[in-house]
Amino acid sequence: MTMKILYGVGPQDVKGYDTERLRAEFLVEDLFRPDAVSFTYTHVDRLILGGAVPVSKTLEFGSGEDIGTSHLLSAREMGIANLGGPGTITVDGQSFDLNNRDVLYVGRGARALTASSVSAERPARFYMNSVPAGADVPHRLITQAESKPLDLGDARRSNKRQLRMYIHPEVAPSCLLLMGITDLAEGSIWNTMPPHLHERRMEAYCYFDLSADDRVIHLMGRPEETRHLIVADGNAVLSPAWSVHMGAGTGPYAFVWGMTGENQEYHDVTPVALSELK
């Protein structure tokens, strides 16, 4: 298990960043490595991003050594989305089978976790978000069928998409973590519209199901002075509360969104008119 640390930055700092520095601070490229568990700890609301790809063996994790606690989830909760083939997560000996696009909520206090795949030829690809938690909420598997779908957007404006809520008060409760998956309709490229800010929450995105040749152009920064990141399959992006976010893909893609902050009100956002973007 490895743990990389990223420190949060403010909008004034970003003005002087070149491409290399912007990517280093906001883009996580090495989450999914065969037979490894990789974590990135960010001081942006102390979110931890994780990836695990069990191929030839079962992967064990849960130590809190890197964050100064007895266990990784001693004072945290976690969401685990399976973006690959069928696999299994165990939490303190309790097994949960996850198919593609299933999500497991792991409550505060879990000690030992393992990840395994049903087939080495089509391994599971587990993506994790973990945030500090102040309440004990039971573990729960949320299948794709149990998630809440929202059909959004307009095909004529190339932003038709289906958002599915998984870890959300309307589906499966948590302390502060929100998590879901959005799939774009065929022919649509924009992942949100209108772009927006949510000053009371940060967000992270993991883009997946891209072909090797396709990319997502992820827009970030203040609305009046945007920046961009070129994102490949399996890359994750940090979006601080001060940053606008929206993106367009060169081909089909999907993404996992995770949020934490002061509330769980999904509609607590400030829309930004396209005419305001610069």
C-alpha atoms as a PDB file:
ATOM      1  CA  MET A   1       0.000   0.000   0.000  1.00  0.00           C
ATOM      2  CA  THR A   2       1.318   3.447  -0.887  1.00  0.00           C
ATOM      3  CA  MET A   3       0.135   6.900   0.200  1.00  0.00           C
ATOM      4  CA  LYS A   4       0.923  10.111  -1.686  1.00  0.00           C
ATOM      5  CA  ILE A   5       0.086  13.494  -0.139  1.00  0.00           C
ATOM      6  CA  LEU A   6      -1.250  16.599  -1.926  1.00  0.00           C
ATOM      7  CA  TYR A   7      -1.677  19.965  -0.198  1.00  0.00           C
ATOM      8  CA  GLY A   8      -4.582  22.222  -1.086  1.00  0.00           C
ATOM      9  CA  VAL A   9      -3.979  25.456  -3.004  1.00  0.00           C
ATOM     10  CA  GLY A  10      -5.995  28.640  -3.504  1.00  0.00           C
ATOM     11  CA  PRO A  11      -7.267  30.257  -6.694  1.00  0.00           C
ATOM     12  CA  GLN A  12      -4.620  32.979  -6.595  1.00  0.00           C
ATOM     13  CA  ASP A  13      -1.856  30.361  -6.618  1.00  0.00           C
ATOM     14  CA  VAL A  14      -3.183  28.637  -9.720  1.00  0.00           C
ATOM     15  CA  LYS A  15      -2.698  31.757 -11.838  1.00  0.00           C
ATOM     16  CA  GLY A  16       1.028  31.098 -12.023  1.00  0.00           C
ATOM     17  CA  TYR A  17       0.941  27.334 -12.565  1.00  0.00           C
ATOM     18  CA  ASP A  18       2.248  25.774 -15.742  1.00  0.00           C
ATOM     19  CA  THR A  19       0.782  22.520 -17.061  1.00  0.00           C
ATOM     20  CA  GLU A  20       3.153  20.314 -15.065  1.00  0.00           C
ATOM     21  CA  ARG A  21       2.360  22.024 -11.756  1.00  0.00           C
ATOM     22  CA  LEU A  22      -1.395  22.078 -12.404  1.00  0.00           C
ATOM     23  CA  ARG A  23      -1.392  18.359 -13.104  1.00  0.00           C
ATOM     24  CA  ALA A  24       0.751  17.616 -10.062  1.00  0.00           C
ATOM     25  CA  GLU A  25      -1.647  19.433  -7.723  1.00  0.00           C
ATOM     26  CA  PHE A  26      -5.035  18.385  -9.119  1.00  0.00           C
ATOM     27  CA  LEU A  27      -4.651  15.240 -11.247  1.00  0.00           C
ATOM     28  CA  VAL A  28      -4.100  11.709  -9.894  1.00  0.00           C
ATOM     29  CA  GLU A  29      -2.826   9.398 -12.626  1.00  0.00           C
ATOM     30  CA  ASP A  30      -1.540   6.302 -10.810  1.00  0.00           C
ATOM     31  CA  LEU A  31      -4.536   4.920  -8.919  1.00  0.00           C
ATOM     32  CA  PHE A  32      -4.989   1.683 -10.844  1.00  0.00           C
ATOM     33  CA  ARG A  33      -1.913  -0.541 -10.827  1.00  0.00           C
ATOM     34  CA  PRO A  34      -2.135  -4.337 -11.159  1.00  0.00           C
ATOM     35  CA  ASP A  35      -1.921  -6.178  -7.823  1.00  0.00           C
ATOM     36  CA  ALA A  36      -1.502  -2.945  -5.865  1.00  0.00           C
ATOM     37  CA  VAL A  37      -3.469  -0.616  -3.607  1.00  0.00           C
ATOM     38  CA  SER A  38      -2.697   3.071  -4.183  1.00  0.00           C
ATOM     39  CA  PHE A  39      -3.943   6.006  -2.114  1.00  0.00           C
ATOM     40  CA  THR A  40      -3.613   9.770  -2.480  1.00  0.00           C
ATOM     41  CA  TYR A  41      -4.293  11.967   0.548  1.00  0.00           C
ATOM     42  CA  THR A  42      -5.275  15.532  -0.170  1.00  0.00           C
ATOM     43  CA  HIS A  43      -5.674  18.385   2.294  1.00  0.00           C
ATOM     44  CA  VAL A  44      -8.674  19.523   0.245  1.00  0.00           C
ATOM     45  CA  ASP A  45     -11.237  18.532   2.906  1.00  0.00           C
ATOM     46  CA  ARG A  46      -8.858  15.663   3.804  1.00  0.00           C
ATOM     47  CA  LEU A  47     -10.231  13.436   1.061  1.00  0.00           C
ATOM     48  CA  ILE A  48      -8.402  10.201   0.312  1.00  0.00           C
ATOM     49  CA  LEU A  49      -8.633   8.769  -3.206  1.00  0.00           C
ATOM     50  CA  GLY A  50      -7.814   5.111  -3.656  1.00  0.00           C
ATOM     51  CA  GLY A  51      -7.502   2.444  -6.314  1.00  0.00           C
ATOM     52  CA  ALA A  52      -7.075  -1.331  -6.105  1.00  0.00           C
ATOM     53  CA  VAL A  53      -6.734  -3.808  -8.965  1.00  0.00           C
ATOM     54  CA  PRO A  54      -6.444  -7.391  -7.656  1.00  0.00           C
ATOM     55  CA  VAL A  55      -5.254  -9.604 -10.504  1.00  0.00           C
ATOM     56  CA  SER A  56      -3.241 -12.581  -9.288  1.00  0.00           C
ATOM     57  CA  LYS A  57      -3.803 -12.210  -5.531  1.00  0.00           C
ATOM     58  CA  THR A  58      -6.035 -10.817  -2.819  1.00  0.00           C
ATOM     59  CA  LEU A  59      -5.015  -7.331  -1.727  1.00  0.00           C
ATOM     60  CA  GLU A  60      -5.097  -6.362   1.942  1.00  0.00           C
ATOM     61  CA  PHE A  61      -5.356  -2.813   3.282  1.00  0.00           C
ATOM     62  CA  GLY A  62      -6.702  -0.844   6.215  1.00  0.00           C
ATOM     63  CA  SER A  63      -3.639   0.286   8.126  1.00  0.00           C
ATOM     64  CA  GLY A  64      -3.785   3.820   9.510  1.00  0.00           C
ATOM     65  CA  GLU A  65      -0.028   4.240   9.816  1.00  0.00           C
ATOM     66  CA  ASP A  66       0.170   6.900   7.099  1.00  0.00           C
ATOM     67  CA  ILE A  67      -2.524   9.074   8.680  1.00  0.00           C
ATOM     68  CA  GLY A  68      -1.680   8.633  12.362  1.00  0.00           C
ATOM     69  CA  THR A  69      -4.595   6.434  13.408  1.00  0.00           C
ATOM     70  CA  SER A  70      -4.827   2.784  14.366  1.00  0.00           C
ATOM     71  CA  HIS A  71      -6.668   1.960  11.165  1.00  0.00           C
ATOM     72  CA  LEU A  72      -7.376   3.772   7.926  1.00  0.00           C
ATOM     73  CA  LEU A  73     -11.069   4.014   8.814  1.00  0.00           C
ATOM     74  CA  SER A  74     -10.759   4.560  12.577  1.00  0.00           C
ATOM     75  CA  ALA A  75     -12.312   8.015  12.094  1.00  0.00           C
ATOM     76  CA  ARG A  76     -13.321   7.801   8.434  1.00  0.00           C
ATOM     77  CA  GLU A  77     -15.982   6.414   6.120  1.00  0.00           C
ATOM     78  CA  MET A  78     -15.389   5.101   2.607  1.00  0.00           C
ATOM     79  CA  GLY A  79     -17.164   4.474  -0.666  1.00  0.00           C
ATOM     80  CA  ILE A  80     -15.842   1.782  -3.025  1.00  0.00           C
ATOM     81  CA  ALA A  81     -17.050   1.668  -6.645  1.00  0.00           C
ATOM     82  CA  ASN A  82     -16.250  -1.275  -8.898  1.00  0.00           C
ATOM     83  CA  LEU A  83     -15.346  -0.035 -12.378  1.00  0.00           C
ATOM     84  CA  GLY A  84     -14.135  -3.389 -13.711  1.00  0.00           C
ATOM     85  CA  GLY A  85     -15.025  -7.078 -13.643  1.00  0.00           C
ATOM     86  CA  PRO A  86     -16.781  -8.826 -10.751  1.00  0.00           C
ATOM     87  CA  GLY A  87     -14.940  -8.746  -7.452  1.00  0.00           C
ATOM     88  CA  THR A  88     -15.249  -9.035  -3.701  1.00  0.00           C
ATOM     89  CA  ILE A  89     -14.479  -6.676  -0.840  1.00  0.00           C
ATOM     90  CA  THR A  90     -14.303  -8.031   2.690  1.00  0.00           C
ATOM     91  CA  VAL A  91     -14.690  -5.741   5.693  1.00  0.00           C
ATOM     92  CA  ASP A  92     -13.558  -7.342   8.952  1.00  0.00           C
ATOM     93  CA  GLY A  93     -14.415 -10.745   7.499  1.00  0.00           C
ATOM     94  CA  GLN A  94     -17.793  -9.760   6.027  1.00  0.00           C
ATOM     95  CA  SER A  95     -17.885 -10.317   2.255  1.00  0.00           C
ATOM     96  CA  PHE A  96     -19.552  -8.068  -0.318  1.00  0.00           C
ATOM     97  CA  ASP A  97     -19.700  -9.087  -3.990  1.00  0.00           C
ATOM     98  CA  LEU A  98     -19.547  -6.126  -6.369  1.00  0.00           C
ATOM     99  CA  ASN A  99     -20.392  -6.246 -10.044  1.00  0.00           C
ATOM    100  CA  ASN A 100     -19.529  -3.458 -12.459  1.00  0.00           C
ATOM    101  CA  ARG A 101     -21.031  -0.145 -11.271  1.00  0.00           C
ATOM    102  CA  ASP A 102     -21.929  -1.429  -7.813  1.00  0.00           C
ATOM    103  CA  VAL A 103     -20.825   0.683  -4.838  1.00  0.00           C
ATOM    104  CA  LEU A 104     -20.006  -0.402  -1.285  1.00  0.00           C
ATOM    105  CA  TYR A 105     -20.357   1.999   1.638  1.00  0.00           C
ATOM    106  CA  VAL A 106     -17.952   1.196   4.500  1.00  0.00           C
ATOM    107  CA  GLY A 107     -18.749   2.886   7.788  1.00  0.00           C
ATOM    108  CA  ARG A 108     -16.416   4.373  10.380  1.00  0.00           C
ATOM    109  CA  GLY A 109     -14.452   1.932  12.496  1.00  0.00           C
ATOM    110  CA  ALA A 110     -13.689  -0.781   9.920  1.00  0.00           C
ATOM    111  CA  ARG A 111     -10.297  -2.349  10.544  1.00  0.00           C
ATOM    112  CA  ALA A 112      -9.229  -4.887   7.932  1.00  0.00           C
ATOM    113  CA  LEU A 113     -10.253  -4.793   4.269  1.00  0.00           C
ATOM    114  CA  THR A 114      -9.392  -7.062   1.359  1.00  0.00           C
ATOM    115  CA  ALA A 115     -10.050  -6.828  -2.376  1.00  0.00           C
ATOM    116  CA  SER A 116     -10.150  -9.729  -4.834  1.00  0.00           C
ATOM    117  CA  SER A 117     -11.330 -10.461  -8.366  1.00  0.00           C
ATOM    118  CA  VAL A 118     -13.417 -13.303  -9.720  1.00  0.00           C
ATOM    119  CA  SER A 119     -11.250 -13.524 -12.867  1.00  0.00           C
ATOM    120  CA  ALA A 120      -7.668 -12.469 -13.533  1.00  0.00           C
ATOM    121  CA  GLU A 121      -8.604 -12.041 -17.204  1.00  0.00           C
ATOM    122  CA  ARG A 122     -11.190  -9.382 -16.262  1.00  0.00           C
ATOM    123  CA  PRO A 123     -10.103  -8.084 -12.863  1.00  0.00           C
ATOM    124  CA  ALA A 124     -12.136  -5.836 -10.631  1.00  0.00           C
ATOM    125  CA  ARG A 125     -11.108  -2.182 -10.602  1.00  0.00           C
ATOM    126  CA  PHE A 126     -12.004  -0.702  -7.252  1.00  0.00           C
ATOM    127  CA  TYR A 127     -12.109   3.088  -6.883  1.00  0.00           C
ATOM    128  CA  MET A 128     -12.302   4.529  -3.355  1.00  0.00           C
ATOM    129  CA  ASN A 129     -13.221   7.828  -1.726  1.00  0.00           C
ATOM    130  CA  SER A 130     -12.689   8.234   2.021  1.00  0.00           C
ATOM    131  CA  VAL A 131     -13.499  11.269   4.177  1.00  0.00           C
ATOM    132  CA  PRO A 132     -13.529  12.019   7.926  1.00  0.00           C
ATOM    133  CA  ALA A 133     -16.724  10.864   9.640  1.00  0.00           C
ATOM    134  CA  GLY A 134     -18.329  11.832  12.926  1.00  0.00           C
ATOM    135  CA  ALA A 135     -20.997   9.128  13.053  1.00  0.00           C
ATOM    136  CA  ASP A 136     -21.232   5.350  12.834  1.00  0.00           C
ATOM    137  CA  VAL A 137     -23.271   4.224   9.836  1.00  0.00           C
ATOM    138  CA  PRO A 138     -23.607   0.506   8.954  1.00  0.00           C
ATOM    139  CA  HIS A 139     -21.779  -0.911   5.930  1.00  0.00           C
ATOM    140  CA  ARG A 140     -24.017  -1.345   2.908  1.00  0.00           C
ATOM    141  CA  LEU A 141     -23.728  -2.641  -0.639  1.00  0.00           C
ATOM    142  CA  ILE A 142     -25.651  -0.531  -3.160  1.00  0.00           C
ATOM    143  CA  THR A 143     -26.095  -2.300  -6.490  1.00  0.00           C
ATOM    144  CA  GLN A 144     -26.633  -0.375  -9.696  1.00  0.00           C
ATOM    145  CA  ALA A 145     -30.287  -1.444  -9.631  1.00  0.00           C
ATOM    146  CA  GLU A 146     -30.686   0.038  -6.134  1.00  0.00           C
ATOM    147  CA  SER A 147     -29.165   3.400  -7.056  1.00  0.00           C
ATOM    148  CA  LYS A 148     -31.388   6.370  -7.869  1.00  0.00           C
ATOM    149  CA  PRO A 149     -31.219   7.446 -11.544  1.00  0.00           C
ATOM    150  CA  LEU A 150     -31.694  11.025 -12.707  1.00  0.00           C
ATOM    151  CA  ASP A 151     -31.979  11.707 -16.433  1.00  0.00           C
ATOM    152  CA  LEU A 152     -30.435  15.080 -17.194  1.00  0.00           C
ATOM    153  CA  GLY A 153     -29.460  17.260 -20.125  1.00  0.00           C
ATOM    154  CA  ASP A 154     -30.414  17.698 -23.740  1.00  0.00           C
ATOM    155  CA  ALA A 155     -29.153  15.709 -26.713  1.00  0.00           C
ATOM    156  CA  ARG A 156     -29.378  18.811 -28.909  1.00  0.00           C
ATOM    157  CA  ARG A 157     -26.817  20.482 -26.638  1.00  0.00           C
ATOM    158  CA  SER A 158     -24.631  17.356 -26.432  1.00  0.00           C
ATOM    159  CA  ASN A 159     -25.045  16.993 -22.650  1.00  0.00           C
ATOM    160  CA  LYS A 160     -27.661  14.267 -22.208  1.00  0.00           C
ATOM    161  CA  ARG A 161     -26.622  11.985 -19.362  1.00  0.00           C
ATOM    162  CA  GLN A 162     -27.860   9.694 -16.614  1.00  0.00           C
ATOM    163  CA  LEU A 163     -26.673  10.389 -13.091  1.00  0.00           C
ATOM    164  CA  ARG A 164     -27.030   7.644 -10.495  1.00  0.00           C
ATOM    165  CA  MET A 165     -26.972   8.419  -6.778  1.00  0.00           C
ATOM    166  CA  TYR A 166     -25.493   5.667  -4.602  1.00  0.00           C
ATOM    167  CA  ILE A 167     -24.168   7.070  -1.316  1.00  0.00           C
ATOM    168  CA  HIS A 168     -26.767   9.760  -0.770  1.00  0.00           C
ATOM    169  CA  PRO A 169     -29.458  10.469   1.857  1.00  0.00           C
ATOM    170  CA  GLU A 170     -32.148   9.430  -0.636  1.00  0.00           C
ATOM    171  CA  VAL A 171     -30.522   6.023  -1.242  1.00  0.00           C
ATOM    172  CA  ALA A 172     -27.925   4.993   1.347  1.00  0.00           C
ATOM    173  CA  PRO A 173     -27.028   7.273   4.290  1.00  0.00           C
ATOM    174  CA  SER A 174     -23.542   8.310   5.329  1.00  0.00           C
ATOM    175  CA  CYS A 175     -22.003  10.919   7.589  1.00  0.00           C
ATOM    176  CA  LEU A 176     -20.642  13.387   5.008  1.00  0.00           C
ATOM    177  CA  LEU A 177     -19.676  11.385   1.915  1.00  0.00           C
ATOM    178  CA  LEU A 178     -21.704  11.570  -1.296  1.00  0.00           C
ATOM    179  CA  MET A 179     -20.909   9.285  -4.227  1.00  0.00           C
ATOM    180  CA  GLY A 180     -22.437   8.430  -7.574  1.00  0.00           C
ATOM    181  CA  ILE A 181     -21.778   7.531 -11.199  1.00  0.00           C
ATOM    182  CA  THR A 182     -22.727   9.444 -14.349  1.00  0.00           C
ATOM    183  CA  ASP A 183     -22.953   7.923 -17.839  1.00  0.00           C
ATOM    184  CA  LEU A 184     -23.226  10.091 -20.932  1.00  0.00           C
ATOM    185  CA  ALA A 185     -25.721   9.252 -23.644  1.00  0.00           C
ATOM    186  CA  GLU A 186     -24.407   8.269 -27.058  1.00  0.00           C
ATOM    187  CA  GLY A 187     -23.320  11.361 -28.952  1.00  0.00           C
ATOM    188  CA  SER A 188     -23.155  13.616 -25.880  1.00  0.00           C
ATOM    189  CA  ILE A 189     -19.807  14.939 -24.661  1.00  0.00           C
ATOM    190  CA  TRP A 190     -20.440  17.493 -21.856  1.00  0.00           C
ATOM    191  CA  ASN A 191     -20.563  16.037 -18.352  1.00  0.00           C
ATOM    192  CA  THR A 192     -22.479  18.864 -16.683  1.00  0.00           C
ATOM    193  CA  MET A 193     -24.453  21.889 -17.780  1.00  0.00           C
ATOM    194  CA  PRO A 194     -24.519  24.594 -16.685  1.00  0.00           C
ATOM    195  CA  PRO A 195     -21.102  24.676 -15.020  1.00  0.00           C
ATOM    196  CA  HIS A 196     -21.346  25.541 -11.352  1.00  0.00           C
ATOM    197  CA  LEU A 197     -19.627  26.106  -8.042  1.00  0.00           C
ATOM    198  CA  HIS A 198     -20.529  24.656  -4.648  1.00  0.00           C
ATOM    199  CA  GLU A 199     -18.736  26.756  -2.082  1.00  0.00           C
ATOM    200  CA  ARG A 200     -19.605  24.429   0.794  1.00  0.00           C
ATOM    201  CA  ARG A 201     -18.370  21.172  -0.770  1.00  0.00           C
ATOM    202  CA  MET A 202     -15.373  19.913  -2.691  1.00  0.00           C
ATOM    203  CA  GLU A 203     -15.671  17.237  -5.355  1.00  0.00           C
ATOM    204  CA  ALA A 204     -13.520  14.595  -6.975  1.00  0.00           C
ATOM    205  CA  TYR A 205     -14.028  12.891 -10.327  1.00  0.00           C
ATOM    206  CA  CYS A 206     -12.683   9.604 -11.632  1.00  0.00           C
ATOM    207  CA  TYR A 207     -13.068   9.320 -15.390  1.00  0.00           C
ATOM    208  CA  PHE A 208     -13.377   5.780 -16.768  1.00  0.00           C
ATOM    209  CA  ASP A 209     -14.543   3.695 -19.723  1.00  0.00           C
ATOM    210  CA  LEU A 210     -12.483   5.849 -22.113  1.00  0.00           C
ATOM    211  CA  SER A 211     -10.665   4.196 -24.988  1.00  0.00           C
ATOM    212  CA  ALA A 212      -6.871   4.378 -24.929  1.00  0.00           C
ATOM    213  CA  ASP A 213      -6.928   7.109 -27.599  1.00  0.00           C
ATOM    214  CA  ASP A 214      -9.652   9.311 -26.087  1.00  0.00           C
ATOM    215  CA  ARG A 215      -9.338  12.097 -23.520  1.00  0.00           C
ATOM    216  CA  VAL A 216     -11.593  14.329 -21.423  1.00  0.00           C
ATOM    217  CA  ILE A 217     -10.831  18.058 -21.374  1.00  0.00           C
ATOM    218  CA  HIS A 218     -11.665  18.972 -17.775  1.00  0.00           C
ATOM    219  CA  LEU A 219     -12.168  22.692 -17.144  1.00  0.00           C
ATOM    220  CA  MET A 220     -11.349  24.065 -13.695  1.00  0.00           C
ATOM    221  CA  GLY A 221     -10.339  27.286 -11.935  1.00  0.00           C
ATOM    222  CA  ARG A 222     -12.313  30.431 -11.270  1.00  0.00           C
ATOM    223  CA  PRO A 223     -15.060  31.074 -13.851  1.00  0.00           C
ATOM    224  CA  GLU A 224     -13.411  34.327 -14.959  1.00  0.00           C
ATOM    225  CA  GLU A 225     -10.007  32.665 -15.413  1.00  0.00           C
ATOM    226  CA  THR A 226     -10.326  28.983 -16.270  1.00  0.00           C
ATOM    227  CA  ARG A 227      -7.631  26.353 -16.637  1.00  0.00           C
ATOM    228  CA  HIS A 228      -7.826  22.867 -18.094  1.00  0.00           C
ATOM    229  CA  LEU A 229      -6.554  19.346 -17.536  1.00  0.00           C
ATOM    230  CA  ILE A 230      -6.277  16.666 -20.220  1.00  0.00           C
ATOM    231  CA  VAL A 231      -7.541  13.481 -18.574  1.00  0.00           C
ATOM    232  CA  ALA A 232      -7.107   9.833 -19.589  1.00  0.00           C
ATOM    233  CA  ASP A 233      -8.962   6.675 -18.584  1.00  0.00           C
ATOM    234  CA  GLY A 234      -8.617   5.960 -14.871  1.00  0.00           C
ATOM    235  CA  ASN A 235      -7.409   9.466 -13.984  1.00  0.00           C
ATOM    236  CA  ALA A 236      -8.986  11.326 -11.059  1.00  0.00           C
ATOM    237  CA  VAL A 237      -9.360  15.092 -10.684  1.00  0.00           C
ATOM    238  CA  LEU A 238      -9.659  17.147  -7.497  1.00  0.00           C
ATOM    239  CA  SER A 239     -12.113  20.027  -7.654  1.00  0.00           C
ATOM    240  CA  PRO A 240     -11.849  22.425  -4.678  1.00  0.00           C
ATOM    241  CA  ALA A 241     -14.903  24.398  -3.593  1.00  0.00           C
ATOM    242  CA  TRP A 242     -13.594  27.540  -5.300  1.00  0.00           C
ATOM    243  CA  SER A 243     -13.250  25.875  -8.704  1.00  0.00           C
ATOM    244  CA  VAL A 244     -15.776  25.609 -11.486  1.00  0.00           C
ATOM    245  CA  HIS A 245     -15.927  22.196 -13.102  1.00  0.00           C
ATOM    246  CA  MET A 246     -17.170  20.859 -16.397  1.00  0.00           C
ATOM    247  CA  GLY A 247     -15.670  18.701 -19.092  1.00  0.00           C
ATOM    248  CA  ALA A 248     -16.011  17.379 -22.617  1.00  0.00           C
ATOM    249  CA  GLY A 249     -14.772  14.104 -24.036  1.00  0.00           C
ATOM    250  CA  THR A 250     -13.383  13.174 -27.430  1.00  0.00           C
ATOM    251  CA  GLY A 251     -15.257   9.869 -27.205  1.00  0.00           C
ATOM    252  CA  PRO A 252     -17.565   7.887 -24.898  1.00  0.00           C
ATOM    253  CA  TYR A 253     -16.794   8.018 -21.171  1.00  0.00           C
ATOM    254  CA  ALA A 254     -18.297   7.878 -17.685  1.00  0.00           C
ATOM    255  CA  PHE A 255     -17.213   9.216 -14.325  1.00  0.00           C
ATOM    256  CA  VAL A 256     -17.558   8.626 -10.604  1.00  0.00           C
ATOM    257  CA  TRP A 257     -18.270  11.739  -8.560  1.00  0.00           C
ATOM    258  CA  GLY A 258     -17.600  12.008  -4.854  1.00  0.00           C
ATOM    259  CA  MET A 259     -18.268  14.975  -2.576  1.00  0.00           C
ATOM    260  CA  THR A 260     -17.763  16.029   1.010  1.00  0.00           C
ATOM    261  CA  GLY A 261     -18.018  19.260   2.969  1.00  0.00           C
ATOM    262  CA  GLU A 262     -20.518  21.140   5.094  1.00  0.00           C
ATOM    263  CA  ASN A 263     -23.699  19.454   3.867  1.00  0.00           C
ATOM    264  CA  GLN A 264     -25.189  16.753   1.671  1.00  0.00           C
ATOM    265  CA  GLU A 265     -27.623  18.985  -0.195  1.00  0.00           C
ATOM    266  CA  TYR A 266     -27.063  17.935  -3.805  1.00  0.00           C
ATOM    267  CA  HIS A 267     -28.686  21.111  -5.159  1.00  0.00           C
ATOM    268  CA  ASP A 268     -26.627  23.485  -2.979  1.00  0.00           C
ATOM    269  CA  VAL A 269     -24.822  24.883  -6.020  1.00  0.00           C
ATOM    270  CA  THR A 270     -24.232  28.226  -7.704  1.00  0.00           C
ATOM    271  CA  PRO A 271     -24.758  27.973 -11.477  1.00  0.00           C
ATOM    272  CA  VAL A 272     -22.317  29.845 -13.707  1.00  0.00           C
ATOM    273  CA  ALA A 273     -23.591  31.204 -17.011  1.00  0.00           C
ATOM    274  CA  LEU A 274     -21.561  30.116 -20.023  1.00  0.00           C
ATOM    275  CA  SER A 275     -21.206  33.791 -20.951  1.00  0.00           C
ATOM    276  CA  GLU A 276     -19.282  34.339 -17.701  1.00  0.00           C
ATOM    277  CA  LEU A 277     -16.560  31.805 -18.523  1.00  0.00           C
ATOM    278  CA  LYS A 278     -13.208  33.102 -19.666  1.00  0.00           C
END
